[in-house]
Amino acid sequence: MPFIVKLESGGSFEDAYLLAFGKINGNVRIDNKQINSLGNIEEINGDIRFISSSITSLGKLRKVKGSFWISHHPPYTNLLDLNDLEFVGFNLNLQYSPIKDLAKLKYVGNSLILSGTRIESLGQLEEVKGNIILPKYLKGIIDLSKVKVGGKIRYVND
């Protein structure tokens, strides 16, 4: 079922509303607890942020050209993996989220922030252009040998 999405302008322009289908041109903020899935949205040409959202599925989302961000404070989301998401053009910040698996994600255009998570798998991750920040307990456990990292790999306390 399609639903209405509020696009944030980020500037002096007024916010816009869009019926959510395959592609969204703009920044999306999901803080509506009644959305369970992004459904048939495959691409977001901007940022996507989840704040106090009970969403459980990214649906068919494959590409985010901006940043992907989940709130650092509870309630986060009910997402445990990134489903079909393959590409994030800038930062992917999952800090303190319940995400356990990056699933089909292959590319992050800047930093990948996983501190405070209980991540179990980097899935199909191939390249991160910036830094990777991981929980300290994963040092020596998670395999990064197949990931091309443009920045540094840092392990931090939760």
Protein backbone atom coordinates (compact mmCIF):
# COMPACT_ATOMS: atom_id res chain seq x y z
CA MET A 1 0.00 0.00 0.00
CA PRO A 2 1.40 3.41 -0.89
CA PHE A 3 1.50 6.06 1.83
CA ILE A 4 2.21 9.78 2.13
CA VAL A 5 5.78 10.80 2.96
CA LYS A 6 6.78 14.23 4.23
CA LEU A 7 9.97 15.46 2.54
CA GLU A 8 12.14 17.84 4.51
CA SER A 9 13.49 20.78 2.55
CA GLY A 10 16.43 21.50 4.86
CA GLY A 11 16.36 25.14 3.85
CA SER A 12 13.98 28.02 3.59
CA PHE A 13 11.63 26.11 1.29
CA GLU A 14 8.43 24.62 2.60
CA ASP A 15 8.25 20.90 3.28
CA ALA A 16 6.51 18.84 0.61
CA TYR A 17 4.34 15.73 0.72
CA LEU A 18 4.67 12.87 -1.72
CA LEU A 19 2.83 9.65 -2.38
CA ALA A 20 5.58 7.06 -1.79
CA PHE A 21 6.26 4.86 -4.80
CA GLY A 22 9.56 3.77 -6.45
CA LYS A 23 11.79 6.87 -6.14
CA ILE A 24 11.81 9.80 -3.73
CA ASN A 25 13.67 13.01 -4.57
CA GLY A 26 14.40 14.64 -1.22
CA ASN A 27 15.21 13.96 2.43
CA VAL A 28 12.90 11.65 4.33
CA ARG A 29 12.33 11.55 8.07
CA ILE A 30 10.37 8.58 9.40
CA ASP A 31 9.05 9.21 12.88
CA ASN A 32 5.58 7.88 12.38
CA LYS A 33 5.14 4.79 14.50
CA GLN A 34 2.40 3.52 12.18
CA ILE A 35 4.66 2.83 9.18
CA ASN A 36 5.83 -0.80 9.23
CA SER A 37 7.66 -0.85 5.89
CA LEU A 38 8.96 1.43 3.16
CA GLY A 39 7.08 -0.83 0.74
CA ASN A 40 7.99 -0.37 -2.94
CA ILE A 41 10.36 2.58 -2.47
CA GLU A 42 13.61 1.54 -4.17
CA GLU A 43 15.64 4.76 -4.14
CA ILE A 44 15.90 7.91 -2.03
CA ASN A 45 17.80 10.78 -3.65
CA GLY A 46 18.62 12.42 -0.32
CA ASP A 47 18.96 11.43 3.34
CA ILE A 48 16.72 9.12 5.33
CA ARG A 49 16.37 9.38 9.11
CA PHE A 50 14.47 7.16 11.52
CA ILE A 51 13.42 8.76 14.80
CA SER A 52 11.26 6.87 17.31
CA SER A 53 9.93 4.73 14.50
CA SER A 54 8.55 1.23 14.90
CA ILE A 55 9.34 0.37 11.26
CA THR A 56 10.26 -3.30 10.81
CA SER A 57 11.28 -3.45 7.14
CA LEU A 58 13.00 -1.28 4.55
CA GLY A 59 10.86 -2.99 1.93
CA LYS A 60 12.48 -2.83 -1.51
CA LEU A 61 14.86 0.05 -0.69
CA ARG A 62 18.13 -0.50 -2.58
CA LYS A 63 19.77 2.92 -2.73
CA VAL A 64 20.09 6.02 -0.53
CA LYS A 65 22.15 8.74 -2.23
CA GLY A 66 22.65 10.73 0.99
CA SER A 67 23.03 9.55 4.58
CA PHE A 68 21.09 6.82 6.38
CA TRP A 69 20.62 7.55 10.06
CA ILE A 70 18.85 5.89 12.98
CA SER A 71 18.30 7.91 16.17
CA HIS A 72 20.85 7.29 18.92
CA HIS A 73 18.15 7.32 21.61
CA PRO A 74 15.35 4.82 22.31
CA PRO A 75 12.99 3.96 20.89
CA TYR A 76 15.08 3.42 17.75
CA THR A 77 13.43 1.17 15.19
CA ASN A 78 12.55 -2.49 15.03
CA LEU A 79 14.91 -3.05 12.09
CA LEU A 80 17.26 -5.98 12.58
CA ASP A 81 18.81 -5.88 9.11
CA LEU A 82 19.02 -3.64 6.05
CA ASN A 83 17.04 -5.96 3.74
CA ASP A 84 17.91 -5.19 0.08
CA LEU A 85 19.82 -1.93 0.71
CA GLU A 86 23.01 -2.04 -1.39
CA PHE A 87 24.22 1.57 -1.56
CA VAL A 88 24.50 4.52 0.84
CA GLY A 89 26.07 7.56 -0.81
CA PHE A 90 27.32 9.28 2.34
CA ASN A 91 27.25 8.26 6.04
CA LEU A 92 25.56 5.17 7.42
CA ASN A 93 24.98 5.78 11.13
CA LEU A 94 23.43 2.85 12.98
CA GLN A 95 24.90 3.73 16.39
CA TYR A 96 22.97 2.04 19.26
CA SER A 97 20.38 0.63 16.86
CA PRO A 98 19.13 -2.99 17.01
CA ILE A 99 20.61 -3.74 13.54
CA LYS A 100 22.41 -7.10 13.53
CA ASP A 101 23.10 -7.67 9.83
CA LEU A 102 24.09 -5.32 6.99
CA ALA A 103 22.64 -7.95 4.63
CA LYS A 104 23.11 -6.92 0.95
CA LEU A 105 24.86 -3.59 1.62
CA LYS A 106 27.93 -3.25 -0.61
CA TYR A 107 28.96 0.42 -0.55
CA VAL A 108 29.10 3.34 1.92
CA GLY A 109 30.34 6.65 0.46
CA ASN A 110 31.75 8.00 3.72
CA SER A 111 31.70 6.66 7.31
CA LEU A 112 30.03 3.53 8.69
CA ILE A 113 29.18 3.95 12.37
CA LEU A 114 28.24 0.77 14.23
CA SER A 115 29.28 1.65 17.79
CA GLY A 116 26.84 0.55 20.46
CA THR A 117 25.29 -2.08 18.18
CA ARG A 118 25.21 -5.84 18.50
CA ILE A 119 26.15 -6.26 14.84
CA GLU A 120 26.72 -9.89 13.89
CA SER A 121 27.39 -9.67 10.17
CA LEU A 122 28.71 -7.11 7.69
CA GLY A 123 26.84 -9.08 5.03
CA GLN A 124 28.13 -8.38 1.51
CA LEU A 125 29.95 -5.13 2.37
CA GLU A 126 32.70 -4.39 -0.17
CA GLU A 127 33.73 -0.75 0.30
CA VAL A 128 33.56 2.07 2.84
CA LYS A 129 35.16 5.30 1.56
CA GLY A 130 35.59 6.78 5.06
CA ASN A 131 36.04 5.36 8.55
CA ILE A 132 34.45 2.29 10.10
CA ILE A 133 33.60 2.61 13.79
CA LEU A 134 32.83 -0.67 15.58
CA PRO A 135 32.18 -1.80 19.16
CA LYS A 136 35.42 -2.78 20.91
CA TYR A 137 34.17 -6.29 21.68
CA LEU A 138 34.24 -7.10 17.92
CA LYS A 139 37.99 -6.52 17.55
CA GLY A 140 39.45 -9.74 16.17
CA ILE A 141 35.98 -11.26 15.76
CA ILE A 142 34.44 -9.49 12.78
CA ASP A 143 36.14 -10.12 9.42
CA LEU A 144 37.06 -6.92 7.56
CA SER A 145 39.55 -8.55 5.16
CA LYS A 146 37.17 -8.32 2.18
CA VAL A 147 36.19 -4.69 2.82
CA LYS A 148 38.09 -1.86 1.10
CA VAL A 149 38.32 0.93 3.69
CA GLY A 150 39.31 4.46 2.62
CA GLY A 151 39.69 5.78 6.17
CA LYS A 152 40.51 4.14 9.48
CA ILE A 153 38.98 1.25 11.38
CA ARG A 154 38.29 2.27 14.96
CA TYR A 155 37.01 0.19 17.86
CA VAL A 156 35.28 2.11 20.63
CA ASN A 157 33.72 1.32 24.01
CA ASP A 158 29.93 1.15 24.03
